[in-house]
Amino acid sequence: MSTTLKLSDELIEMAKPHAAAGHRSVPKQIEYWARLGKAVEDNPDLPLQFIKDTLLSAQEAKAGLLAPYQFGA
């Protein structure tokens, strides 16, 4: 579902370099920040990098990029 939002020019300008670095559109960058912020609020005891890695892992799983873990290899 798509919804039109009114965002500050400051937020949009802050998102532009991050969007370019992450190969995302500006709206997708802001969506990423919102998802990350929600995950941080939902899990205040977890380190930010752990949350970022977990979100990335979930997307890799959705894309079928999983490989079996070889214990002791």
N, C-alpha and C. Protein backbone atom coordinates (compact mmCIF):
# COMPACT_ATOMS: atom_id res chain seq x y z
N MET A 1 0.85 -1.17 0.00
CA MET A 1 0.00 0.00 0.00
C MET A 1 0.90 1.23 0.00
N SER A 2 0.55 2.18 -0.80
CA SER A 2 1.30 3.42 -0.90
C SER A 2 0.49 4.55 -0.30
N THR A 3 1.17 5.40 0.48
CA THR A 3 0.52 6.54 1.11
C THR A 3 1.40 7.77 0.90
N THR A 4 0.78 8.86 0.59
CA THR A 4 1.51 10.11 0.43
C THR A 4 1.73 10.73 1.80
N LEU A 5 2.99 11.10 2.06
CA LEU A 5 3.35 11.73 3.33
C LEU A 5 4.00 13.07 3.06
N LYS A 6 3.82 13.98 3.97
CA LYS A 6 4.50 15.26 3.89
C LYS A 6 5.70 15.19 4.84
N LEU A 7 6.90 15.22 4.29
CA LEU A 7 8.13 15.14 5.07
C LEU A 7 8.89 16.45 4.96
N SER A 8 9.67 16.73 5.97
CA SER A 8 10.44 17.97 5.95
C SER A 8 11.53 17.91 4.88
N ASP A 9 11.84 19.07 4.32
CA ASP A 9 12.93 19.16 3.35
C ASP A 9 14.24 18.72 3.98
N GLU A 10 14.40 19.02 5.27
CA GLU A 10 15.64 18.65 5.97
C GLU A 10 15.82 17.13 6.00
N LEU A 11 14.76 16.39 6.30
CA LEU A 11 14.84 14.93 6.33
C LEU A 11 15.17 14.38 4.94
N ILE A 12 14.53 14.92 3.93
CA ILE A 12 14.77 14.46 2.56
C ILE A 12 16.22 14.73 2.15
N GLU A 13 16.73 15.90 2.49
CA GLU A 13 18.13 16.22 2.16
C GLU A 13 19.10 15.33 2.92
N MET A 14 18.79 15.02 4.19
CA MET A 14 19.65 14.12 4.96
C MET A 14 19.65 12.72 4.35
N ALA A 15 18.52 12.30 3.79
CA ALA A 15 18.40 10.96 3.26
C ALA A 15 19.12 10.77 1.93
N LYS A 16 19.27 11.83 1.16
CA LYS A 16 19.83 11.71 -0.19
C LYS A 16 21.21 11.04 -0.24
N PRO A 17 22.21 11.48 0.55
CA PRO A 17 23.51 10.80 0.45
C PRO A 17 23.47 9.37 0.97
N HIS A 18 22.66 9.11 1.98
CA HIS A 18 22.54 7.75 2.50
C HIS A 18 21.86 6.85 1.48
N ALA A 19 20.86 7.39 0.80
CA ALA A 19 20.17 6.63 -0.25
C ALA A 19 21.14 6.27 -1.37
N ALA A 20 21.93 7.23 -1.79
CA ALA A 20 22.89 6.98 -2.87
C ALA A 20 23.92 5.93 -2.45
N ALA A 21 24.41 6.04 -1.23
CA ALA A 21 25.41 5.09 -0.74
C ALA A 21 24.84 3.69 -0.61
N GLY A 22 23.57 3.59 -0.26
CA GLY A 22 22.93 2.29 -0.10
C GLY A 22 22.23 1.80 -1.35
N HIS A 23 22.38 2.53 -2.46
CA HIS A 23 21.74 2.18 -3.73
C HIS A 23 20.23 2.04 -3.56
N ARG A 24 19.65 3.00 -2.82
CA ARG A 24 18.21 3.04 -2.59
C ARG A 24 17.67 4.36 -3.11
N SER A 25 16.37 4.40 -3.32
CA SER A 25 15.71 5.67 -3.60
C SER A 25 15.58 6.41 -2.27
N VAL A 26 15.33 7.70 -2.32
CA VAL A 26 15.14 8.47 -1.09
C VAL A 26 13.95 7.94 -0.28
N PRO A 27 12.80 7.66 -0.90
CA PRO A 27 11.70 7.09 -0.12
C PRO A 27 12.06 5.74 0.52
N LYS A 28 12.78 4.90 -0.20
CA LYS A 28 13.18 3.61 0.36
C LYS A 28 14.18 3.79 1.51
N GLN A 29 15.04 4.80 1.42
CA GLN A 29 15.98 5.07 2.52
C GLN A 29 15.21 5.48 3.77
N ILE A 30 14.24 6.35 3.61
CA ILE A 30 13.45 6.80 4.76
C ILE A 30 12.65 5.63 5.32
N GLU A 31 12.14 4.76 4.45
CA GLU A 31 11.43 3.56 4.91
C GLU A 31 12.38 2.66 5.70
N TYR A 32 13.61 2.50 5.22
CA TYR A 32 14.62 1.71 5.93
C TYR A 32 14.87 2.29 7.32
N TRP A 33 15.05 3.60 7.39
CA TRP A 33 15.27 4.24 8.70
C TRP A 33 14.08 3.99 9.63
N ALA A 34 12.88 4.05 9.10
CA ALA A 34 11.69 3.83 9.92
C ALA A 34 11.64 2.40 10.44
N ARG A 35 11.94 1.43 9.57
CA ARG A 35 11.95 0.03 10.00
C ARG A 35 13.04 -0.21 11.04
N LEU A 36 14.21 0.38 10.81
CA LEU A 36 15.31 0.23 11.75
C LEU A 36 14.96 0.87 13.09
N GLY A 37 14.37 2.04 13.05
CA GLY A 37 13.97 2.73 14.28
C GLY A 37 12.94 1.93 15.06
N LYS A 38 11.99 1.33 14.37
CA LYS A 38 10.99 0.50 15.04
C LYS A 38 11.65 -0.71 15.68
N ALA A 39 12.56 -1.35 14.96
CA ALA A 39 13.25 -2.52 15.50
C ALA A 39 14.07 -2.15 16.73
N VAL A 40 14.70 -0.98 16.71
CA VAL A 40 15.49 -0.52 17.86
C VAL A 40 14.56 -0.27 19.05
N GLU A 41 13.43 0.38 18.82
CA GLU A 41 12.48 0.62 19.91
C GLU A 41 11.91 -0.69 20.46
N ASP A 42 11.68 -1.66 19.59
CA ASP A 42 11.12 -2.95 20.02
C ASP A 42 12.15 -3.80 20.76
N ASN A 43 13.44 -3.52 20.55
CA ASN A 43 14.52 -4.33 21.13
C ASN A 43 15.60 -3.43 21.73
N PRO A 44 15.28 -2.68 22.76
CA PRO A 44 16.22 -1.68 23.28
C PRO A 44 17.51 -2.26 23.87
N ASP A 45 17.50 -3.54 24.21
CA ASP A 45 18.70 -4.14 24.80
C ASP A 45 19.67 -4.70 23.78
N LEU A 46 19.28 -4.73 22.52
CA LEU A 46 20.15 -5.29 21.48
C LEU A 46 21.01 -4.20 20.84
N PRO A 47 22.26 -4.53 20.50
CA PRO A 47 23.11 -3.56 19.81
C PRO A 47 22.57 -3.25 18.41
N LEU A 48 22.76 -2.02 17.98
CA LEU A 48 22.27 -1.58 16.67
C LEU A 48 22.79 -2.48 15.55
N GLN A 49 24.07 -2.81 15.56
CA GLN A 49 24.63 -3.63 14.48
C GLN A 49 23.98 -5.00 14.43
N PHE A 50 23.66 -5.57 15.57
CA PHE A 50 22.97 -6.86 15.61
C PHE A 50 21.60 -6.74 14.95
N ILE A 51 20.89 -5.66 15.23
CA ILE A 51 19.57 -5.45 14.63
C ILE A 51 19.70 -5.27 13.13
N LYS A 52 20.68 -4.49 12.69
CA LYS A 52 20.89 -4.29 11.25
C LYS A 52 21.21 -5.62 10.56
N ASP A 53 22.09 -6.42 11.18
CA ASP A 53 22.45 -7.72 10.61
C ASP A 53 21.24 -8.65 10.55
N THR A 54 20.40 -8.60 11.57
CA THR A 54 19.20 -9.43 11.60
C THR A 54 18.23 -9.04 10.49
N LEU A 55 18.02 -7.73 10.30
CA LEU A 55 17.15 -7.27 9.22
C LEU A 55 17.70 -7.69 7.85
N LEU A 56 19.02 -7.59 7.68
CA LEU A 56 19.64 -8.02 6.43
C LEU A 56 19.46 -9.52 6.23
N SER A 57 19.66 -10.30 7.28
CA SER A 57 19.50 -11.75 7.19
C SER A 57 18.09 -12.14 6.79
N ALA A 58 17.11 -11.44 7.35
CA ALA A 58 15.72 -11.72 7.00
C ALA A 58 15.47 -11.48 5.52
N GLN A 59 16.04 -10.42 4.97
CA GLN A 59 15.86 -10.13 3.54
C GLN A 59 16.61 -11.15 2.69
N GLU A 60 17.78 -11.58 3.13
CA GLU A 60 18.52 -12.61 2.40
C GLU A 60 17.73 -13.92 2.37
N ALA A 61 17.09 -14.24 3.48
CA ALA A 61 16.26 -15.46 3.53
C ALA A 61 15.10 -15.36 2.56
N LYS A 62 14.44 -14.20 2.52
CA LYS A 62 13.33 -14.00 1.59
C LYS A 62 13.78 -14.14 0.14
N ALA A 63 15.03 -13.73 -0.13
CA ALA A 63 15.57 -13.78 -1.49
C ALA A 63 16.13 -15.16 -1.83
N GLY A 64 16.08 -16.11 -0.88
CA GLY A 64 16.58 -17.45 -1.13
C GLY A 64 18.09 -17.56 -1.12
N LEU A 65 18.74 -16.66 -0.42
CA LEU A 65 20.20 -16.64 -0.40
C LEU A 65 20.78 -17.35 0.84
N LEU A 66 20.12 -18.40 1.27
CA LEU A 66 20.59 -19.14 2.44
C LEU A 66 21.48 -20.30 2.01
N ALA A 67 22.42 -20.63 2.87
CA ALA A 67 23.27 -21.79 2.65
C ALA A 67 23.30 -22.59 3.94
N PRO A 68 23.33 -23.90 3.86
CA PRO A 68 23.39 -24.71 5.07
C PRO A 68 24.66 -24.41 5.86
N TYR A 69 24.51 -24.37 7.16
CA TYR A 69 25.68 -24.13 8.03
C TYR A 69 26.41 -25.45 8.22
N GLN A 70 27.71 -25.43 8.01
CA GLN A 70 28.55 -26.61 8.20
C GLN A 70 29.27 -26.46 9.53
N PHE A 71 28.77 -27.12 10.55
CA PHE A 71 29.36 -27.03 11.88
C PHE A 71 30.76 -27.65 11.86
N GLY A 72 31.72 -26.91 12.40
CA GLY A 72 33.09 -27.40 12.50
C GLY A 72 33.87 -27.31 11.20
N ALA A 73 33.30 -26.69 10.19
CA ALA A 73 34.02 -26.63 8.90
C ALA A 73 34.94 -25.45 8.85
